[in-house]
Amino acid sequence: MSILVIAEHDNAELKGATLNTIAAAKAIGGDIHVLVAGAGCGAVADAAAKLDGVSKVLVADNAAYEHQLAENVAKLVADLGKDYSHVLAPATTTGKNMLPRAAALLDVQPISDIIGVESADTFKRPIYAGNVVATVQSSDTIKVVSVRATAFDAVAAEGGSASVESVDIAEDAGISSFVGEELAKSDRPELTSAKVVISGGRGMQNGENFEMLYKLADKLGAAVGASRAAVDAGFVPNDMQVGQTGKIVAPDLYIAVGISGAIQHLAGMKDSKVIVAINKDEEAPIFSVADYGLVADLFDAVPELETKL
């Protein structure tokens, strides 16, 4: 049994979600290979070769994969995936975009967002915003699976000594092209990998009031997130959204400020190690999952907390 893990990267650095996905692959058991598809991505391949549990790294270094367009990478994954029992990718926006296309090309049904491995063909995945965990068994000869990174502890980044092989396949589907990108730059940690996350909700009232959270985050070395209500209201950009339709996070500390705790938001953060909630409504659902709750006006509590740090 052999497993192909699709590496997530930016051609310069390997993303942390890949390490969690390899942990899921180890739980399945078998020979683990990692595919690095990109352009000028030699450093990523070298980093992947050092990962614990990886026996081989396949490198598809071609201009067609420079921006990891889903249409191109899916064709590559489908071509290579025929020789594997499992194909795994992180359940990130990139993985969710590419993996179902590859599954369609392989004529199998993808299993999305797994949070547990029961056996080589049986997995656990959340449904109904995480209120129910379904156990899914697949009879497909090739299991195509996306992995919720927060559900698996990352493997060690050092200690491995995998071989590195080049892949000569250059798949350009010719139906999409990269036009440009606008990247939000911040000195704060990336939301999905931060150890501390502070999120604001509708109770923040406007975008300017998020400055309070930014100041607090700078003192804690935290990332700043938001509920869907805050994003829909235009307080902050949608790349800050935490929840079922946003980013899934599981930091060591999650501070929810002015967030009521709709199930869609809880689905994105309830696996956090410690949850702190600040809300003036003592009946807010967020308190049902919080380890520590403060019933107070956030406009009094957050500035006071910031001055105490």
Protein backbone atom coordinates (compact mmCIF):
# COMPACT_ATOMS: atom_id res chain seq x y z
CA MET A 1 0.00 0.00 0.00
CA SER A 2 1.42 3.38 -1.01
CA ILE A 3 0.18 6.89 -0.29
CA LEU A 4 0.73 10.08 -2.30
CA VAL A 5 0.58 13.31 -0.29
CA ILE A 6 0.22 16.56 -2.23
CA ALA A 7 2.48 19.20 -0.71
CA GLU A 8 1.16 22.70 -0.16
CA HIS A 9 3.76 25.40 -0.69
CA ASP A 10 4.54 28.77 -2.29
CA ASN A 11 7.58 27.56 -4.29
CA ALA A 12 9.83 28.76 -1.49
CA GLU A 13 8.51 27.22 1.73
CA LEU A 14 6.57 24.11 2.63
CA LYS A 15 3.29 24.97 4.37
CA GLY A 16 2.63 23.50 7.79
CA ALA A 17 -0.61 21.79 6.71
CA THR A 18 1.49 19.33 4.71
CA LEU A 19 3.06 18.03 7.93
CA ASN A 20 -0.37 17.38 9.43
CA THR A 21 -1.48 15.60 6.26
CA ILE A 22 1.56 13.32 6.43
CA ALA A 23 0.54 12.48 10.01
CA ALA A 24 -2.82 11.30 8.63
CA ALA A 25 -0.97 9.26 6.01
CA LYS A 26 1.09 7.60 8.75
CA ALA A 27 -2.14 6.71 10.56
CA ILE A 28 -3.32 4.93 7.39
CA GLY A 29 -0.02 3.08 7.09
CA GLY A 30 2.11 2.36 4.07
CA ASP A 31 4.85 3.85 1.95
CA ILE A 32 4.47 7.65 1.90
CA HIS A 33 5.50 9.72 -1.13
CA VAL A 34 5.17 13.51 -1.35
CA LEU A 35 4.45 15.36 -4.59
CA VAL A 36 5.88 18.87 -4.91
CA ALA A 37 4.41 20.56 -8.00
CA GLY A 38 5.67 24.06 -8.73
CA ALA A 39 8.34 26.08 -10.46
CA GLY A 40 11.74 26.74 -8.91
CA CYS A 41 10.59 24.68 -5.95
CA GLY A 42 13.83 22.84 -5.15
CA ALA A 43 13.96 24.23 -1.60
CA VAL A 44 10.47 22.87 -0.94
CA ALA A 45 11.48 19.42 -2.18
CA ASP A 46 14.55 19.45 0.09
CA ALA A 47 12.36 20.36 3.08
CA ALA A 48 9.86 17.62 2.20
CA ALA A 49 12.66 15.03 2.01
CA LYS A 50 13.53 15.74 5.66
CA LEU A 51 10.02 15.09 6.96
CA ASP A 52 9.54 12.15 9.29
CA GLY A 53 7.87 9.18 7.61
CA VAL A 54 8.43 10.21 3.98
CA SER A 55 10.27 7.70 1.79
CA LYS A 56 10.23 9.53 -1.55
CA VAL A 57 9.67 13.06 -2.87
CA LEU A 58 8.44 13.55 -6.43
CA VAL A 59 9.22 16.96 -7.92
CA ALA A 60 7.26 18.32 -10.89
CA ASP A 61 9.18 21.53 -11.58
CA ASN A 62 7.54 23.22 -14.54
CA ALA A 63 6.09 26.62 -15.41
CA ALA A 64 2.66 24.99 -15.76
CA TYR A 65 2.64 24.45 -11.97
CA GLU A 66 4.14 27.75 -10.87
CA HIS A 67 0.88 29.04 -9.37
CA GLN A 68 -0.61 25.61 -8.63
CA LEU A 69 -3.61 26.16 -10.89
CA ALA A 70 -6.12 23.47 -9.92
CA GLU A 71 -6.83 22.43 -13.50
CA ASN A 72 -3.16 21.71 -14.20
CA VAL A 73 -2.21 20.12 -10.89
CA ALA A 74 -5.33 17.91 -10.89
CA LYS A 75 -4.28 16.35 -14.21
CA LEU A 76 -0.81 15.67 -12.81
CA VAL A 77 -2.21 14.19 -9.60
CA ALA A 78 -4.61 11.99 -11.56
CA ASP A 79 -1.78 10.68 -13.77
CA LEU A 80 0.45 9.87 -10.81
CA GLY A 81 -2.38 8.78 -8.52
CA LYS A 82 -3.15 5.71 -10.61
CA ASP A 83 -0.14 4.01 -9.02
CA TYR A 84 -1.22 4.67 -5.42
CA SER A 85 -3.81 3.29 -3.02
CA HIS A 86 -4.41 6.71 -1.43
CA VAL A 87 -4.04 10.33 -2.52
CA LEU A 88 -4.09 12.87 0.31
CA ALA A 89 -4.04 16.67 0.38
CA PRO A 90 -4.66 19.28 3.08
CA ALA A 91 -8.27 20.49 3.27
CA THR A 92 -7.23 24.07 2.56
CA THR A 93 -8.62 26.29 -0.17
CA THR A 94 -5.92 24.97 -2.50
CA GLY A 95 -6.61 21.34 -1.66
CA LYS A 96 -10.39 21.74 -1.83
CA ASN A 97 -10.02 23.34 -5.26
CA MET A 98 -7.75 20.70 -6.75
CA LEU A 99 -8.55 17.36 -5.14
CA PRO A 100 -12.17 16.86 -6.34
CA ARG A 101 -11.00 17.52 -9.91
CA ALA A 102 -8.33 14.85 -9.56
CA ALA A 103 -10.89 12.45 -8.10
CA ALA A 104 -13.21 13.05 -11.05
CA LEU A 105 -10.38 12.30 -13.46
CA LEU A 106 -9.66 9.08 -11.54
CA ASP A 107 -13.40 8.27 -11.53
CA VAL A 108 -13.57 7.88 -7.75
CA GLN A 109 -15.49 9.66 -5.02
CA PRO A 110 -13.42 12.03 -2.87
CA ILE A 111 -13.71 11.93 0.92
CA SER A 112 -13.41 15.45 2.25
CA ASP A 113 -12.15 16.98 5.47
CA ILE A 114 -11.34 13.85 7.49
CA ILE A 115 -10.59 14.25 11.19
CA GLY A 116 -9.75 10.64 11.99
CA VAL A 117 -8.47 7.40 10.46
CA GLU A 118 -10.18 4.17 11.50
CA SER A 119 -8.47 1.95 8.92
CA ALA A 120 -7.09 2.11 5.41
CA ASP A 121 -10.60 2.43 3.95
CA THR A 122 -12.58 3.98 6.83
CA PHE A 123 -12.41 7.58 7.97
CA LYS A 124 -14.20 10.03 10.26
CA ARG A 125 -15.39 13.40 8.99
CA PRO A 126 -17.64 16.10 10.46
CA ILE A 127 -21.05 16.94 9.00
CA TYR A 128 -23.78 19.43 10.00
CA ALA A 129 -21.22 22.07 11.01
CA GLY A 130 -19.40 19.55 13.19
CA ASN A 131 -22.44 18.57 15.24
CA VAL A 132 -22.26 15.03 13.84
CA VAL A 133 -19.19 12.96 13.05
CA ALA A 134 -19.78 10.51 10.22
CA THR A 135 -17.78 7.31 9.75
CA VAL A 136 -17.25 6.77 6.03
CA GLN A 137 -16.00 3.59 4.37
CA SER A 138 -14.80 3.67 0.77
CA SER A 139 -14.70 0.74 -1.64
CA ASP A 140 -12.85 2.71 -4.34
CA THR A 141 -9.54 1.22 -5.38
CA ILE A 142 -7.95 4.65 -4.97
CA LYS A 143 -8.96 6.68 -1.93
CA VAL A 144 -8.80 10.41 -2.62
CA VAL A 145 -8.92 12.20 0.73
CA SER A 146 -8.58 15.76 2.02
CA VAL A 147 -7.34 16.14 5.60
CA ARG A 148 -8.39 18.70 8.19
CA ALA A 149 -4.96 19.78 9.39
CA THR A 150 -6.08 20.82 12.87
CA ALA A 151 -7.21 17.24 13.64
CA PHE A 152 -3.72 15.71 13.32
CA ASP A 153 -0.48 16.59 15.10
CA ALA A 154 2.24 17.59 12.64
CA VAL A 155 5.08 15.17 11.98
CA ALA A 156 8.64 16.20 12.77
CA ALA A 157 10.16 18.54 10.20
CA GLU A 158 13.59 16.95 10.63
CA GLY A 159 14.92 13.43 10.80
CA GLY A 160 13.84 12.01 7.46
CA SER A 161 16.07 11.21 4.51
CA ALA A 162 13.77 10.59 1.57
CA SER A 163 15.02 10.25 -1.98
CA VAL A 164 14.12 13.03 -4.43
CA GLU A 165 13.02 12.18 -7.98
CA SER A 166 12.03 14.44 -10.86
CA VAL A 167 8.70 14.01 -12.65
CA ASP A 168 8.81 14.90 -16.33
CA ILE A 169 5.04 15.26 -16.78
CA ALA A 170 4.00 18.79 -17.76
CA GLU A 171 0.22 19.04 -17.75
CA ASP A 172 -1.16 22.35 -19.00
CA ALA A 173 -4.94 22.02 -19.33
CA GLY A 174 -5.05 25.29 -21.26
CA ILE A 175 -8.39 26.31 -19.73
CA SER A 176 -7.16 28.71 -17.06
CA SER A 177 -4.31 31.15 -16.64
CA PHE A 178 -2.79 33.10 -13.79
CA VAL A 179 -3.56 36.83 -14.02
CA GLY A 180 -2.34 38.25 -10.72
CA GLU A 181 -2.68 38.22 -6.98
CA GLU A 182 -2.94 40.69 -4.12
CA LEU A 183 -1.46 39.34 -0.93
CA ALA A 184 -2.31 40.78 2.47
CA LYS A 185 0.95 41.33 4.35
CA SER A 186 1.10 41.33 8.11
CA ASP A 187 3.73 41.01 10.83
CA ARG A 188 1.29 38.85 12.77
CA PRO A 189 1.29 35.06 12.41
CA GLU A 190 -0.84 33.40 9.74
CA LEU A 191 -4.32 32.62 11.06
CA THR A 192 -4.35 28.84 10.57
CA SER A 193 -0.88 28.29 12.08
CA ALA A 194 -0.95 30.80 14.96
CA LYS A 195 -0.69 29.52 18.53
CA VAL A 196 -2.92 32.36 19.76
CA VAL A 197 -5.94 33.72 17.87
CA ILE A 198 -8.13 36.68 18.83
CA SER A 199 -11.39 36.96 16.91
CA GLY A 200 -14.02 39.71 16.86
CA GLY A 201 -17.68 39.47 16.01
CA ARG A 202 -20.67 41.65 15.30
CA GLY A 203 -20.31 43.09 18.80
CA MET A 204 -17.25 45.04 17.60
CA GLN A 205 -19.77 47.36 15.88
CA ASN A 206 -17.38 48.58 13.16
CA GLY A 207 -14.01 47.97 11.55
CA GLU A 208 -12.27 50.78 13.43
CA ASN A 209 -12.95 49.05 16.74
CA PHE A 210 -10.88 46.07 15.58
CA GLU A 211 -7.86 48.27 16.39
CA MET A 212 -8.40 47.19 19.99
CA LEU A 213 -7.90 43.59 18.97
CA TYR A 214 -4.86 44.42 16.84
CA LYS A 215 -3.17 46.08 19.83
CA LEU A 216 -3.96 43.12 22.04
CA ALA A 217 -2.76 40.71 19.36
CA ASP A 218 0.56 42.53 19.03
CA LYS A 219 1.21 42.05 22.74
CA LEU A 220 0.29 38.37 22.62
CA GLY A 221 1.95 37.59 19.29
CA ALA A 222 -1.47 36.52 18.08
CA ALA A 223 -3.32 36.35 14.78
CA VAL A 224 -6.61 38.21 14.40
CA GLY A 225 -9.75 36.56 13.04
CA ALA A 226 -13.42 37.38 12.75
CA SER A 227 -16.85 35.80 12.65
CA ARG A 228 -18.83 35.65 9.43
CA ALA A 229 -21.19 38.30 10.80
CA ALA A 230 -18.28 40.75 11.15
CA VAL A 231 -17.02 39.93 7.66
CA ASP A 232 -20.48 40.22 6.07
CA ALA A 233 -20.93 43.57 7.79
CA GLY A 234 -17.75 44.81 6.10
CA PHE A 235 -15.77 45.29 9.31
CA VAL A 236 -12.80 43.23 8.07
CA PRO A 237 -11.76 41.36 4.88
CA ASN A 238 -13.02 37.81 4.34
CA ASP A 239 -9.55 36.25 4.63
CA MET A 240 -9.92 36.82 8.39
CA GLN A 241 -13.09 34.72 8.66
CA VAL A 242 -13.05 31.79 11.07
CA GLY A 243 -15.78 29.18 10.81
CA GLN A 244 -17.45 26.56 8.68
CA THR A 245 -17.24 28.73 5.55
CA GLY A 246 -13.97 30.36 6.60
CA LYS A 247 -10.75 29.05 8.10
CA ILE A 248 -10.53 26.19 10.56
CA VAL A 249 -8.21 26.97 13.47
CA ALA A 250 -7.13 25.08 16.58
CA PRO A 251 -4.64 27.30 18.44
CA ASP A 252 -3.41 26.84 21.98
CA LEU A 253 -5.48 29.89 22.96
CA TYR A 254 -8.58 31.28 21.21
CA ILE A 255 -10.10 34.53 22.47
CA ALA A 256 -13.60 35.28 21.15
CA VAL A 257 -14.60 38.91 21.57
CA GLY A 258 -18.17 40.01 20.91
CA ILE A 259 -18.97 36.70 19.18
CA SER A 260 -22.32 35.07 19.97
CA GLY A 261 -21.18 31.60 18.93
CA ALA A 262 -23.33 30.42 16.02
CA ILE A 263 -22.69 26.76 15.18
CA GLN A 264 -21.03 27.79 11.92
CA HIS A 265 -18.40 29.73 13.87
CA LEU A 266 -17.97 27.05 16.53
CA ALA A 267 -17.24 24.52 13.76
CA GLY A 268 -14.11 26.50 12.91
CA MET A 269 -12.59 26.92 16.37
CA LYS A 270 -14.02 24.50 18.93
CA ASP A 271 -10.93 22.25 18.75
CA SER A 272 -8.81 25.05 20.25
CA LYS A 273 -6.91 23.98 23.37
CA VAL A 274 -8.21 26.84 25.56
CA ILE A 275 -11.17 29.06 24.63
CA VAL A 276 -11.83 32.42 26.28
CA ALA A 277 -15.08 34.27 25.56
CA ILE A 278 -15.87 37.93 26.25
CA ASN A 279 -19.52 38.83 25.71
CA LYS A 280 -22.06 40.96 27.57
CA ASP A 281 -24.84 38.43 26.86
CA GLU A 282 -24.51 35.70 29.45
CA GLU A 283 -26.80 33.47 27.36
CA ALA A 284 -24.51 33.60 24.30
CA PRO A 285 -23.84 30.09 22.90
CA ILE A 286 -20.09 30.80 22.84
CA PHE A 287 -20.02 30.24 26.61
CA SER A 288 -21.07 26.61 26.09
CA VAL A 289 -17.68 25.79 24.56
CA ALA A 290 -15.55 28.34 26.44
CA ASP A 291 -13.10 27.23 29.12
CA TYR A 292 -13.17 30.73 30.55
CA GLY A 293 -16.02 33.21 30.11
CA LEU A 294 -16.22 36.88 30.98
CA VAL A 295 -19.66 38.49 30.94
CA ALA A 296 -18.70 42.10 30.33
CA ASP A 297 -18.82 44.93 27.83
CA LEU A 298 -15.93 44.28 25.44
CA PHE A 299 -15.24 48.01 25.17
CA ASP A 300 -14.34 47.97 28.86
CA ALA A 301 -12.79 44.52 29.11
CA VAL A 302 -10.45 44.53 26.09
CA PRO A 303 -8.70 47.86 26.82
CA GLU A 304 -8.28 46.83 30.46
CA LEU A 305 -6.84 43.47 29.43
CA GLU A 306 -4.46 45.20 27.02
CA THR A 307 -3.17 47.57 29.71
CA LYS A 308 -2.57 44.66 32.11
CA LEU A 309 -0.32 42.81 29.66
